[in-house]
Amino acid sequence: MTTSNTFVTRTGWFLSVLLGLMLFAGELFAFPYAPSTLTFIAASGTSSPPAQTVTFSRKSFVPRYWTATADSSWLMLSPTSGTISTEKDTIAVQVDPSGLAVGTYSGSFRIAVADKNGRTQSATIPVAFVVSTSGTTPTPSILLNPTSLSFSGTAGGAAPLAKTINLTNPTGGTLTWTLTKSATWLGMNITSGTTTTEIDQISASVSISGLGAGTYSTTISVTASGASNSPQQIPVSLTLNQPTVTTGSVQVAWDANTETDLAGYKIYIGIQPGIYNAPITIGNVTSYSVTNLPTGKTYYVSVTAYDTAGNESPHAPEVSKSFF
């Protein structure tokens, strides 16, 4: 009994490698930054509150020039320019309440980084500044960024990366908050806390073990006693796609049986030696291709002959083929 085996082609594999090389050869033009918003609180007639910082980075060994500009006179940045390659740069952000009436002020500043071709990529960071009446206790409120979460992945694959929720209190006072959720597939690293002017960061993650392909939805509820806008809701969606199954085939061939009452042959295949699924009955031919075999396994194949009375011969010597 002789065998010949086909090869498994993983469609798109070479293309993915080629695209990866193209990206590596070019400049990776992106600069993640954090936090994405800032909030300051100060009483009217007092000095400036403590400075806060924004950190950003790039992934390029070639230094690039950056600038930072504010859109409001009460908003100050230091430094306002520099160069960056692979390190992290930090901008100190300060506000000045001098001459400002009681109220809430909205401003922003823009970080712009130029690439080697003179193109500019920028990010705008919103800044809220609450000037309260001296001696009064402001009412806290809930500010969430982002206001919704969306995860996607493949059923049976790796879990999607966790995402961060920034929770702030833009109006002053002390905000004591609690997060609740109902879906068992959604997790959070912390579910309660207290904030005044700082940003509280919550990491939200999903567990997809045991979940089939489809779309799942739930909500995170944010409550805070005494807050002016409690409760708040964060919709969460999880989309799991069907896994892409790569398959292969095994072609077996054998010498013809010479018995005059030969009716045909049976193909046996399994994933353990000597243990097979129900046979595939074929006619009086001397080769057969078993197709649509999922990869990641070793397959064991054997052939028998049967005559016109239904009598079946012993198994021919077993052969195997692995697809990994």
Foldseek 3Di string as FASTA:
>chain_A
DDFDFDAFDDPCPVVVVVVVVVVVVDAQDDKDKDDQEFAAEEEAPDFWDAKDKMKIAGAAQDKWKKAKDKDDPQKDKPPGIDIHGGDMDMIIIIGGNPPPDADKDKIWMKMWIADPVRDIDMGIGIYIYGHHHPPDAWFWAKDKPPQAAEAEEAQPDDWGAKDKIKIATRHFHKWWKAKDWDDPQKDKPDGIDMYGRDIDIIIITGDRVPPHADKDKIKIWMATPRHPDPIGIYIYMYGHHYDDFGKGKIKGFDDFDDDPQWFFKWKFKDQDPPDTDDIDTDGRDGMDMGIGHTAPTKMKMWMWTAGPVGDIDDTDDIDMDHGD
